[in-house]
Amino acid sequence: MAIETPQFWGDNYQLIDSGGFEKLEKFGEFTVRRPEPQAIWAKSLSEQEWQKLSHAHFKKEKGSQERGQWEVKGKVPDKWFMPYQSERLNLSFKISLSSFKHVGLFPEQASNWEFLAAKIPLFQRPSPKFLNLFAYTGGASLVCRQMGAEVTHVDSVKPVLSWARENMEVSKLDGIRWMAEDALKFVKREARRGNFYQGILLDPPAYGRGPDGEKWVLEEQIEDLLLSVKEILDPEEHLLLSNVYSLGFSTLVVENLMNGIFDVPSSAESGELYLNDNSDKKLPLGVFHRYYHRL
């Protein structure tokens, strides 16, 4: 199953064009141009049109896959804010140009947010405990909090935690528990303590570093993480949502992992998230697996 997500954004977000290992996106008032390794096809618009439309262009440093610098034209602010409104949700997000090509928001995740917003009210427990691992700037954390869950937000990068906290404040929310931690270490500690969560969200990167230099390699450690997650997942009633963005992972790989570790119900959903550009080219942006289960 493949799920397109722009319909949730209205006019606030637009994937204008993709191709040539780049994407051209409109976030609110400003359009940014940045690398995209999966966009191996040709662009639909000319180079002149890309240059004309973009307010900021990210150029990678030589020899680096992520780090680089933004070339900005005109008066692009250090940060601006973008609303997200749907039938159940009313949130705001800070957009800013980081040195790692990111802007603080992954628009394709709106599909997962709407899944969370629909399922959290089904819990028998009034304030289910949710754990968001590799939580970045907190989109899913805000969704869970707005829907009434108790939320623990775990990320190893302190500036990202500050960013997530700012998103919480501009969304007029409070009460999220912030943890600057290595995700795998945190989960194993929670298992030793006998703590349980009704909801666990995972969005692990392909590679990463913990706050004390802990090395994370997705292919080598994802099974260990999932086995540890199983130990802290409430067996009576739970929601498990995983999202993976790695060129080596297909839907079948993720399904095999999940089915081998968890008692996955037949209602589970899995597939690819994608965004459609204005020329109807579909840009894949991760494999998801998600389900809600109650005995």
C-alpha atoms as a PDB file:
ATOM      1  CA  MET A   1       0.000   0.000   0.000  1.00  0.00           C
ATOM      2  CA  ALA A   2       1.316   3.439  -0.910  1.00  0.00           C
ATOM      3  CA  ILE A   3      -0.072   6.549   0.761  1.00  0.00           C
ATOM      4  CA  GLU A   4       0.080  10.079  -0.581  1.00  0.00           C
ATOM      5  CA  THR A   5      -0.101  12.801   2.079  1.00  0.00           C
ATOM      6  CA  PRO A   6      -0.252  16.323   0.555  1.00  0.00           C
ATOM      7  CA  GLN A   7      -4.044  16.473   0.936  1.00  0.00           C
ATOM      8  CA  PHE A   8      -3.562  17.049   4.657  1.00  0.00           C
ATOM      9  CA  TRP A   9      -1.578  20.254   4.109  1.00  0.00           C
ATOM     10  CA  GLY A  10      -3.825  22.341   1.890  1.00  0.00           C
ATOM     11  CA  ASP A  11      -1.882  25.296   0.478  1.00  0.00           C
ATOM     12  CA  ASN A  12       0.743  25.269   3.255  1.00  0.00           C
ATOM     13  CA  TYR A  13       2.991  22.662   1.627  1.00  0.00           C
ATOM     14  CA  GLN A  14       3.685  21.775  -1.993  1.00  0.00           C
ATOM     15  CA  LEU A  15       6.201  19.513  -3.734  1.00  0.00           C
ATOM     16  CA  ILE A  16       6.644  21.594  -6.865  1.00  0.00           C
ATOM     17  CA  ASP A  17       9.097  19.368  -8.744  1.00  0.00           C
ATOM     18  CA  SER A  18      11.533  16.501  -8.197  1.00  0.00           C
ATOM     19  CA  GLY A  19      14.337  14.897 -10.178  1.00  0.00           C
ATOM     20  CA  GLY A  20      18.062  15.074 -10.799  1.00  0.00           C
ATOM     21  CA  PHE A  21      18.573  13.952  -7.165  1.00  0.00           C
ATOM     22  CA  GLU A  22      16.820  17.093  -5.898  1.00  0.00           C
ATOM     23  CA  LYS A  23      13.389  18.290  -4.769  1.00  0.00           C
ATOM     24  CA  LEU A  24      11.781  21.724  -4.911  1.00  0.00           C
ATOM     25  CA  GLU A  25       9.310  22.355  -2.074  1.00  0.00           C
ATOM     26  CA  LYS A  26       7.129  25.186  -0.831  1.00  0.00           C
ATOM     27  CA  PHE A  27       6.886  25.499   2.956  1.00  0.00           C
ATOM     28  CA  GLY A  28       4.435  28.272   3.723  1.00  0.00           C
ATOM     29  CA  GLU A  29       5.681  31.453   2.052  1.00  0.00           C
ATOM     30  CA  PHE A  30       9.098  30.153   1.010  1.00  0.00           C
ATOM     31  CA  THR A  31      10.380  27.605  -1.510  1.00  0.00           C
ATOM     32  CA  VAL A  32      13.497  25.537  -0.840  1.00  0.00           C
ATOM     33  CA  ARG A  33      15.667  23.411  -3.092  1.00  0.00           C
ATOM     34  CA  ARG A  34      17.595  20.519  -1.553  1.00  0.00           C
ATOM     35  CA  PRO A  35      19.095  17.074  -2.296  1.00  0.00           C
ATOM     36  CA  GLU A  36      16.904  13.974  -2.571  1.00  0.00           C
ATOM     37  CA  PRO A  37      18.757  10.691  -3.273  1.00  0.00           C
ATOM     38  CA  GLN A  38      15.650   8.826  -4.467  1.00  0.00           C
ATOM     39  CA  ALA A  39      14.745  11.372  -7.168  1.00  0.00           C
ATOM     40  CA  ILE A  40      16.808   9.676  -9.870  1.00  0.00           C
ATOM     41  CA  TRP A  41      14.506  10.704 -12.747  1.00  0.00           C
ATOM     42  CA  ALA A  42      14.612  13.884 -14.840  1.00  0.00           C
ATOM     43  CA  LYS A  43      13.127  17.153 -13.609  1.00  0.00           C
ATOM     44  CA  SER A  44       9.971  18.433 -15.243  1.00  0.00           C
ATOM     45  CA  LEU A  45      10.872  22.119 -14.897  1.00  0.00           C
ATOM     46  CA  SER A  46      13.954  23.758 -16.373  1.00  0.00           C
ATOM     47  CA  GLU A  47      16.988  24.790 -14.346  1.00  0.00           C
ATOM     48  CA  GLN A  48      16.007  28.407 -14.945  1.00  0.00           C
ATOM     49  CA  GLU A  49      12.580  27.767 -13.416  1.00  0.00           C
ATOM     50  CA  TRP A  50      14.123  26.040 -10.382  1.00  0.00           C
ATOM     51  CA  GLN A  51      16.434  28.991  -9.838  1.00  0.00           C
ATOM     52  CA  LYS A  52      13.598  31.478 -10.238  1.00  0.00           C
ATOM     53  CA  LEU A  53      11.252  29.690  -7.822  1.00  0.00           C
ATOM     54  CA  SER A  54      13.666  28.778  -5.020  1.00  0.00           C
ATOM     55  CA  HIS A  55      14.328  31.169  -2.128  1.00  0.00           C
ATOM     56  CA  ALA A  56      17.005  28.905  -0.616  1.00  0.00           C
ATOM     57  CA  HIS A  57      19.248  26.261  -2.208  1.00  0.00           C
ATOM     58  CA  PHE A  58      21.108  23.659  -0.131  1.00  0.00           C
ATOM     59  CA  LYS A  59      24.500  22.640  -1.540  1.00  0.00           C
ATOM     60  CA  LYS A  60      26.313  19.686  -0.020  1.00  0.00           C
ATOM     61  CA  GLU A  61      29.901  19.922   1.132  1.00  0.00           C
ATOM     62  CA  LYS A  62      32.322  17.897  -0.954  1.00  0.00           C
ATOM     63  CA  GLY A  63      32.472  14.322   0.316  1.00  0.00           C
ATOM     64  CA  SER A  64      29.465  14.712   2.638  1.00  0.00           C
ATOM     65  CA  GLN A  65      26.038  13.115   2.240  1.00  0.00           C
ATOM     66  CA  GLU A  66      24.249  15.475   4.650  1.00  0.00           C
ATOM     67  CA  ARG A  67      26.257  18.504   5.697  1.00  0.00           C
ATOM     68  CA  GLY A  68      26.448  21.613   3.555  1.00  0.00           C
ATOM     69  CA  GLN A  69      25.336  25.238   3.276  1.00  0.00           C
ATOM     70  CA  TRP A  70      22.252  27.105   2.179  1.00  0.00           C
ATOM     71  CA  GLU A  71      22.469  29.787  -0.482  1.00  0.00           C
ATOM     72  CA  VAL A  72      19.682  32.228   0.297  1.00  0.00           C
ATOM     73  CA  LYS A  73      18.253  34.963  -1.886  1.00  0.00           C
ATOM     74  CA  GLY A  74      15.939  37.704  -0.734  1.00  0.00           C
ATOM     75  CA  LYS A  75      14.691  38.047   2.808  1.00  0.00           C
ATOM     76  CA  VAL A  76      14.310  34.488   4.052  1.00  0.00           C
ATOM     77  CA  PRO A  77      13.988  34.644   7.862  1.00  0.00           C
ATOM     78  CA  ASP A  78      15.944  32.474  10.281  1.00  0.00           C
ATOM     79  CA  LYS A  79      12.677  30.744  11.087  1.00  0.00           C
ATOM     80  CA  TRP A  80       9.021  30.849  10.111  1.00  0.00           C
ATOM     81  CA  PHE A  81       5.976  28.872  11.179  1.00  0.00           C
ATOM     82  CA  MET A  82       3.612  26.583   9.308  1.00  0.00           C
ATOM     83  CA  PRO A  83       0.171  25.501  10.554  1.00  0.00           C
ATOM     84  CA  TYR A  84      -1.262  22.013  10.286  1.00  0.00           C
ATOM     85  CA  GLN A  85      -5.019  21.689  10.619  1.00  0.00           C
ATOM     86  CA  SER A  86      -7.260  18.701  10.045  1.00  0.00           C
ATOM     87  CA  GLU A  87     -10.505  17.358  11.457  1.00  0.00           C
ATOM     88  CA  ARG A  88      -8.794  16.287  14.697  1.00  0.00           C
ATOM     89  CA  LEU A  89      -5.548  18.269  14.835  1.00  0.00           C
ATOM     90  CA  ASN A  90      -4.484  21.901  15.111  1.00  0.00           C
ATOM     91  CA  LEU A  91      -0.699  22.294  15.303  1.00  0.00           C
ATOM     92  CA  SER A  92       2.107  24.673  14.316  1.00  0.00           C
ATOM     93  CA  PHE A  93       5.680  23.896  13.281  1.00  0.00           C
ATOM     94  CA  LYS A  94       8.829  25.958  13.129  1.00  0.00           C
ATOM     95  CA  ILE A  95      10.614  25.825   9.766  1.00  0.00           C
ATOM     96  CA  SER A  96      14.313  26.661   9.724  1.00  0.00           C
ATOM     97  CA  LEU A  97      17.247  25.963   7.393  1.00  0.00           C
ATOM     98  CA  SER A  98      19.612  23.539   9.157  1.00  0.00           C
ATOM     99  CA  SER A  99      23.181  22.644   8.207  1.00  0.00           C
ATOM    100  CA  PHE A 100      22.048  19.075   7.456  1.00  0.00           C
ATOM    101  CA  LYS A 101      19.631  19.992   4.600  1.00  0.00           C
ATOM    102  CA  HIS A 102      16.590  19.494   6.844  1.00  0.00           C
ATOM    103  CA  VAL A 103      14.020  22.183   7.627  1.00  0.00           C
ATOM    104  CA  GLY A 104      12.497  20.580  10.739  1.00  0.00           C
ATOM    105  CA  LEU A 105       9.443  19.028   9.125  1.00  0.00           C
ATOM    106  CA  PHE A 106       8.681  15.865   7.135  1.00  0.00           C
ATOM    107  CA  PRO A 107       5.327  16.594   5.432  1.00  0.00           C
ATOM    108  CA  GLU A 108       4.768  12.970   4.369  1.00  0.00           C
ATOM    109  CA  GLN A 109       4.411  12.035   8.055  1.00  0.00           C
ATOM    110  CA  ALA A 110       0.952  13.621   8.139  1.00  0.00           C
ATOM    111  CA  SER A 111      -0.479  10.238   7.165  1.00  0.00           C
ATOM    112  CA  ASN A 112       1.000   8.692  10.315  1.00  0.00           C
ATOM    113  CA  TRP A 113      -0.227  11.638  12.389  1.00  0.00           C
ATOM    114  CA  GLU A 114      -3.782  11.093  11.207  1.00  0.00           C
ATOM    115  CA  PHE A 115      -3.507   7.391  12.028  1.00  0.00           C
ATOM    116  CA  LEU A 116      -2.447   8.305  15.577  1.00  0.00           C
ATOM    117  CA  ALA A 117      -5.210  10.888  15.918  1.00  0.00           C
ATOM    118  CA  ALA A 118      -7.811   8.303  14.877  1.00  0.00           C
ATOM    119  CA  LYS A 119      -6.552   5.469  17.098  1.00  0.00           C
ATOM    120  CA  ILE A 120      -5.637   7.171  20.398  1.00  0.00           C
ATOM    121  CA  PRO A 121      -9.299   7.901  21.298  1.00  0.00           C
ATOM    122  CA  LEU A 122      -9.976   4.138  21.059  1.00  0.00           C
ATOM    123  CA  PHE A 123      -7.786   3.319  24.072  1.00  0.00           C
ATOM    124  CA  GLN A 124      -9.627   2.127  27.161  1.00  0.00           C
ATOM    125  CA  ARG A 125      -7.038   3.840  29.348  1.00  0.00           C
ATOM    126  CA  PRO A 126      -7.909   7.579  29.643  1.00  0.00           C
ATOM    127  CA  SER A 127      -4.318   8.863  29.163  1.00  0.00           C
ATOM    128  CA  PRO A 128      -2.313   6.136  27.420  1.00  0.00           C
ATOM    129  CA  LYS A 129       1.472   6.362  27.776  1.00  0.00           C
ATOM    130  CA  PHE A 130       3.249   6.939  24.455  1.00  0.00           C
ATOM    131  CA  LEU A 131       6.971   6.726  23.760  1.00  0.00           C
ATOM    132  CA  ASN A 132       8.380   8.499  20.689  1.00  0.00           C
ATOM    133  CA  LEU A 133      11.884   7.254  19.795  1.00  0.00           C
ATOM    134  CA  PHE A 134      14.230   9.114  17.409  1.00  0.00           C
ATOM    135  CA  ALA A 135      11.572  11.786  17.813  1.00  0.00           C
ATOM    136  CA  TYR A 136      13.357  14.679  16.051  1.00  0.00           C
ATOM    137  CA  THR A 137      11.346  17.939  16.137  1.00  0.00           C
ATOM    138  CA  GLY A 138       8.314  16.223  17.579  1.00  0.00           C
ATOM    139  CA  GLY A 139       5.516  16.157  15.024  1.00  0.00           C
ATOM    140  CA  ALA A 140       4.200  12.819  16.275  1.00  0.00           C
ATOM    141  CA  SER A 141       4.791  13.834  19.903  1.00  0.00           C
ATOM    142  CA  LEU A 142       2.553  16.882  19.438  1.00  0.00           C
ATOM    143  CA  VAL A 143      -0.158  14.770  17.808  1.00  0.00           C
ATOM    144  CA  CYS A 144      -0.173  12.256  20.664  1.00  0.00           C
ATOM    145  CA  ARG A 145      -0.206  15.006  23.277  1.00  0.00           C
ATOM    146  CA  GLN A 146      -3.033  16.892  21.584  1.00  0.00           C
ATOM    147  CA  MET A 147      -5.056  13.665  21.530  1.00  0.00           C
ATOM    148  CA  GLY A 148      -4.625  13.282  25.295  1.00  0.00           C
ATOM    149  CA  ALA A 149      -1.734  10.830  25.612  1.00  0.00           C
ATOM    150  CA  GLU A 150       1.115  11.090  28.119  1.00  0.00           C
ATOM    151  CA  VAL A 151       4.178  11.526  25.919  1.00  0.00           C
ATOM    152  CA  THR A 152       7.875  10.751  26.423  1.00  0.00           C
ATOM    153  CA  HIS A 153       9.968  12.212  23.600  1.00  0.00           C
ATOM    154  CA  VAL A 154      13.449  10.695  23.101  1.00  0.00           C
ATOM    155  CA  ASP A 155      16.145  12.129  20.851  1.00  0.00           C
ATOM    156  CA  SER A 156      19.925  12.221  21.254  1.00  0.00           C
ATOM    157  CA  VAL A 157      20.433  15.765  19.878  1.00  0.00           C
ATOM    158  CA  LYS A 158      19.779  18.540  22.404  1.00  0.00           C
ATOM    159  CA  PRO A 159      19.200  21.361  19.861  1.00  0.00           C
ATOM    160  CA  VAL A 160      16.523  19.162  18.258  1.00  0.00           C
ATOM    161  CA  LEU A 161      14.844  18.778  21.657  1.00  0.00           C
ATOM    162  CA  SER A 162      14.767  22.569  21.981  1.00  0.00           C
ATOM    163  CA  TRP A 163      13.208  22.777  18.520  1.00  0.00           C
ATOM    164  CA  ALA A 164      10.554  20.227  19.491  1.00  0.00           C
ATOM    165  CA  ARG A 165       9.812  22.143  22.689  1.00  0.00           C
ATOM    166  CA  GLU A 166       9.302  25.324  20.649  1.00  0.00           C
ATOM    167  CA  ASN A 167       6.866  23.432  18.403  1.00  0.00           C
ATOM    168  CA  MET A 168       4.986  22.313  21.504  1.00  0.00           C
ATOM    169  CA  GLU A 169       4.747  25.870  22.813  1.00  0.00           C
ATOM    170  CA  VAL A 170       3.576  27.436  19.535  1.00  0.00           C
ATOM    171  CA  SER A 171       0.982  24.646  19.286  1.00  0.00           C
ATOM    172  CA  LYS A 172      -0.290  25.700  22.750  1.00  0.00           C
ATOM    173  CA  LEU A 173       0.512  22.326  24.327  1.00  0.00           C
ATOM    174  CA  ASP A 174       2.487  21.322  27.416  1.00  0.00           C
ATOM    175  CA  GLY A 175       3.453  18.336  29.538  1.00  0.00           C
ATOM    176  CA  ILE A 176       5.703  16.398  27.133  1.00  0.00           C
ATOM    177  CA  ARG A 177       8.591  14.620  28.890  1.00  0.00           C
ATOM    178  CA  TRP A 178      11.881  15.381  27.107  1.00  0.00           C
ATOM    179  CA  MET A 179      14.778  12.880  27.175  1.00  0.00           C
ATOM    180  CA  ALA A 180      18.194  13.572  25.591  1.00  0.00           C
ATOM    181  CA  GLU A 181      19.060   9.899  25.320  1.00  0.00           C
ATOM    182  CA  ASP A 182      20.289   7.149  23.052  1.00  0.00           C
ATOM    183  CA  ALA A 183      17.052   5.388  22.026  1.00  0.00           C
ATOM    184  CA  LEU A 184      18.290   1.814  22.407  1.00  0.00           C
ATOM    185  CA  LYS A 185      19.825   2.480  25.831  1.00  0.00           C
ATOM    186  CA  PHE A 186      16.615   4.186  26.999  1.00  0.00           C
ATOM    187  CA  VAL A 187      14.403   1.276  25.913  1.00  0.00           C
ATOM    188  CA  LYS A 188      16.639  -1.317  27.566  1.00  0.00           C
ATOM    189  CA  ARG A 189      16.635   0.674  30.806  1.00  0.00           C
ATOM    190  CA  GLU A 190      12.858   0.980  30.748  1.00  0.00           C
ATOM    191  CA  ALA A 191      12.645  -2.807  30.267  1.00  0.00           C
ATOM    192  CA  ARG A 192      14.870  -3.413  33.302  1.00  0.00           C
ATOM    193  CA  ARG A 193      12.635  -1.119  35.342  1.00  0.00           C
ATOM    194  CA  GLY A 194       9.494  -2.954  34.249  1.00  0.00           C
ATOM    195  CA  ASN A 195       7.912   0.123  32.661  1.00  0.00           C
ATOM    196  CA  PHE A 196       5.242  -0.327  30.000  1.00  0.00           C
ATOM    197  CA  TYR A 197       3.868   1.922  27.257  1.00  0.00           C
ATOM    198  CA  GLN A 198       0.579   1.661  25.408  1.00  0.00           C
ATOM    199  CA  GLY A 199       2.012   3.356  22.317  1.00  0.00           C
ATOM    200  CA  ILE A 200       5.520   3.264  20.832  1.00  0.00           C
ATOM    201  CA  LEU A 201       6.643   5.200  17.762  1.00  0.00           C
ATOM    202  CA  LEU A 202       9.950   4.572  15.990  1.00  0.00           C
ATOM    203  CA  ASP A 203      11.528   6.580  13.185  1.00  0.00           C
ATOM    204  CA  PRO A 204      15.165   5.416  13.235  1.00  0.00           C
ATOM    205  CA  PRO A 205      17.734   6.918  10.839  1.00  0.00           C
ATOM    206  CA  ALA A 206      19.981   4.821   8.630  1.00  0.00           C
ATOM    207  CA  TYR A 207      22.981   6.059  10.627  1.00  0.00           C
ATOM    208  CA  GLY A 208      23.334   8.131  13.762  1.00  0.00           C
ATOM    209  CA  ARG A 209      25.171   8.929  16.976  1.00  0.00           C
ATOM    210  CA  GLY A 210      23.902   8.994  20.544  1.00  0.00           C
ATOM    211  CA  PRO A 211      24.721  11.803  23.025  1.00  0.00           C
ATOM    212  CA  ASP A 212      27.805   9.904  24.245  1.00  0.00           C
ATOM    213  CA  GLY A 213      28.968   8.877  20.795  1.00  0.00           C
ATOM    214  CA  GLU A 214      26.940   5.656  20.641  1.00  0.00           C
ATOM    215  CA  LYS A 215      26.929   4.353  17.088  1.00  0.00           C
ATOM    216  CA  TRP A 216      23.632   3.526  15.378  1.00  0.00           C
ATOM    217  CA  VAL A 217      23.527   1.481  12.151  1.00  0.00           C
ATOM    218  CA  LEU A 218      19.967   0.599  11.146  1.00  0.00           C
ATOM    219  CA  GLU A 219      20.606  -2.792   9.537  1.00  0.00           C
ATOM    220  CA  GLU A 220      22.794  -3.956  12.428  1.00  0.00           C
ATOM    221  CA  GLN A 221      20.673  -2.781  15.366  1.00  0.00           C
ATOM    222  CA  ILE A 222      17.017  -2.576  14.338  1.00  0.00           C
ATOM    223  CA  GLU A 223      16.228  -6.165  15.406  1.00  0.00           C
ATOM    224  CA  ASP A 224      17.772  -5.628  18.853  1.00  0.00           C
ATOM    225  CA  LEU A 225      15.760  -2.421  19.242  1.00  0.00           C
ATOM    226  CA  LEU A 226      12.490  -4.091  18.233  1.00  0.00           C
ATOM    227  CA  LEU A 227      13.070  -7.018  20.602  1.00  0.00           C
ATOM    228  CA  SER A 228      13.661  -4.519  23.415  1.00  0.00           C
ATOM    229  CA  VAL A 229      10.560  -2.529  22.413  1.00  0.00           C
ATOM    230  CA  LYS A 230       8.473  -5.699  22.700  1.00  0.00           C
ATOM    231  CA  GLU A 231       9.482  -5.958  26.374  1.00  0.00           C
ATOM    232  CA  ILE A 232       7.956  -2.559  27.220  1.00  0.00           C
ATOM    233  CA  LEU A 233       4.863  -2.699  24.992  1.00  0.00           C
ATOM    234  CA  ASP A 234       1.641  -3.214  26.963  1.00  0.00           C
ATOM    235  CA  PRO A 235       0.422  -6.688  25.884  1.00  0.00           C
ATOM    236  CA  GLU A 236      -3.224  -5.914  26.713  1.00  0.00           C
ATOM    237  CA  GLU A 237      -3.652  -2.872  24.481  1.00  0.00           C
ATOM    238  CA  HIS A 238      -1.079  -1.107  22.351  1.00  0.00           C
ATOM    239  CA  LEU A 239      -0.248   0.850  19.225  1.00  0.00           C
ATOM    240  CA  LEU A 240       3.027   0.358  17.366  1.00  0.00           C
ATOM    241  CA  LEU A 241       4.094   2.644  14.536  1.00  0.00           C
ATOM    242  CA  SER A 242       7.416   2.291  12.719  1.00  0.00           C
ATOM    243  CA  ASN A 243       8.783   4.427   9.932  1.00  0.00           C
ATOM    244  CA  VAL A 244      12.039   3.695   8.093  1.00  0.00           C
ATOM    245  CA  TYR A 245      13.762   5.858   5.520  1.00  0.00           C
ATOM    246  CA  SER A 246      16.644   3.845   4.106  1.00  0.00           C
ATOM    247  CA  LEU A 247      17.384   2.877   0.505  1.00  0.00           C
ATOM    248  CA  GLY A 248      18.032  -0.719   1.613  1.00  0.00           C
ATOM    249  CA  PHE A 249      14.662  -1.284   3.282  1.00  0.00           C
ATOM    250  CA  SER A 250      11.547  -2.347   1.396  1.00  0.00           C
ATOM    251  CA  THR A 251       8.039  -2.942   2.700  1.00  0.00           C
ATOM    252  CA  LEU A 252       8.735  -6.689   2.708  1.00  0.00           C
ATOM    253  CA  VAL A 253      11.851  -6.251   4.859  1.00  0.00           C
ATOM    254  CA  VAL A 254       9.909  -4.263   7.450  1.00  0.00           C
ATOM    255  CA  GLU A 255       6.961  -6.684   7.389  1.00  0.00           C
ATOM    256  CA  ASN A 256       9.295  -9.651   7.951  1.00  0.00           C
ATOM    257  CA  LEU A 257      10.944  -7.901  10.899  1.00  0.00           C
ATOM    258  CA  MET A 258       7.662  -6.970  12.551  1.00  0.00           C
ATOM    259  CA  ASN A 259       5.935 -10.328  11.948  1.00  0.00           C
ATOM    260  CA  GLY A 260       8.944 -12.188  13.348  1.00  0.00           C
ATOM    261  CA  ILE A 261       8.924 -10.268  16.634  1.00  0.00           C
ATOM    262  CA  PHE A 262       5.394  -9.027  17.382  1.00  0.00           C
ATOM    263  CA  ASP A 263       1.953 -10.620  17.326  1.00  0.00           C
ATOM    264  CA  VAL A 264       0.906  -8.420  14.429  1.00  0.00           C
ATOM    265  CA  PRO A 265      -2.877  -8.359  13.870  1.00  0.00           C
ATOM    266  CA  SER A 266      -4.417  -8.817  10.446  1.00  0.00           C
ATOM    267  CA  SER A 267      -5.521  -5.164  10.562  1.00  0.00           C
ATOM    268  CA  ALA A 268      -1.904  -3.932  10.415  1.00  0.00           C
ATOM    269  CA  GLU A 269      -1.044  -1.490   7.639  1.00  0.00           C
ATOM    270  CA  SER A 270       2.283  -1.247   5.824  1.00  0.00           C
ATOM    271  CA  GLY A 271       3.636   0.315   2.677  1.00  0.00           C
ATOM    272  CA  GLU A 272       5.364   3.397   1.319  1.00  0.00           C
ATOM    273  CA  LEU A 273       4.733   7.034   2.089  1.00  0.00           C
ATOM    274  CA  TYR A 274       5.161   9.321  -0.889  1.00  0.00           C
ATOM    275  CA  LEU A 275       4.602  12.854  -2.089  1.00  0.00           C
ATOM    276  CA  ASN A 276       3.267  13.760  -5.529  1.00  0.00           C
ATOM    277  CA  ASP A 277       4.922  16.665  -7.314  1.00  0.00           C
ATOM    278  CA  ASN A 278       3.026  18.980  -9.642  1.00  0.00           C
ATOM    279  CA  SER A 279       3.881  16.807 -12.654  1.00  0.00           C
ATOM    280  CA  ASP A 280       2.447  13.705 -10.932  1.00  0.00           C
ATOM    281  CA  LYS A 281       5.820  12.102 -10.233  1.00  0.00           C
ATOM    282  CA  LYS A 282       5.659  10.097  -7.005  1.00  0.00           C
ATOM    283  CA  LEU A 283       8.586  10.636  -4.611  1.00  0.00           C
ATOM    284  CA  PRO A 284       8.965   7.720  -2.132  1.00  0.00           C
ATOM    285  CA  LEU A 285       9.822   8.905   1.373  1.00  0.00           C
ATOM    286  CA  GLY A 286       9.892   5.916   3.662  1.00  0.00           C
ATOM    287  CA  VAL A 287       8.355   2.575   4.571  1.00  0.00           C
ATOM    288  CA  PHE A 288       5.757   2.509   7.351  1.00  0.00           C
ATOM    289  CA  HIS A 289       4.246  -0.269   9.466  1.00  0.00           C
ATOM    290  CA  ARG A 290       1.490   0.513  11.949  1.00  0.00           C
ATOM    291  CA  TYR A 291      -1.251  -1.150  13.925  1.00  0.00           C
ATOM    292  CA  TYR A 292      -3.500  -0.802  16.987  1.00  0.00           C
ATOM    293  CA  HIS A 293      -4.318  -3.934  18.985  1.00  0.00           C
ATOM    294  CA  ARG A 294      -6.487  -4.746  21.980  1.00  0.00           C
ATOM    295  CA  LEU A 295      -7.080  -8.159  23.534  1.00  0.00           C
END
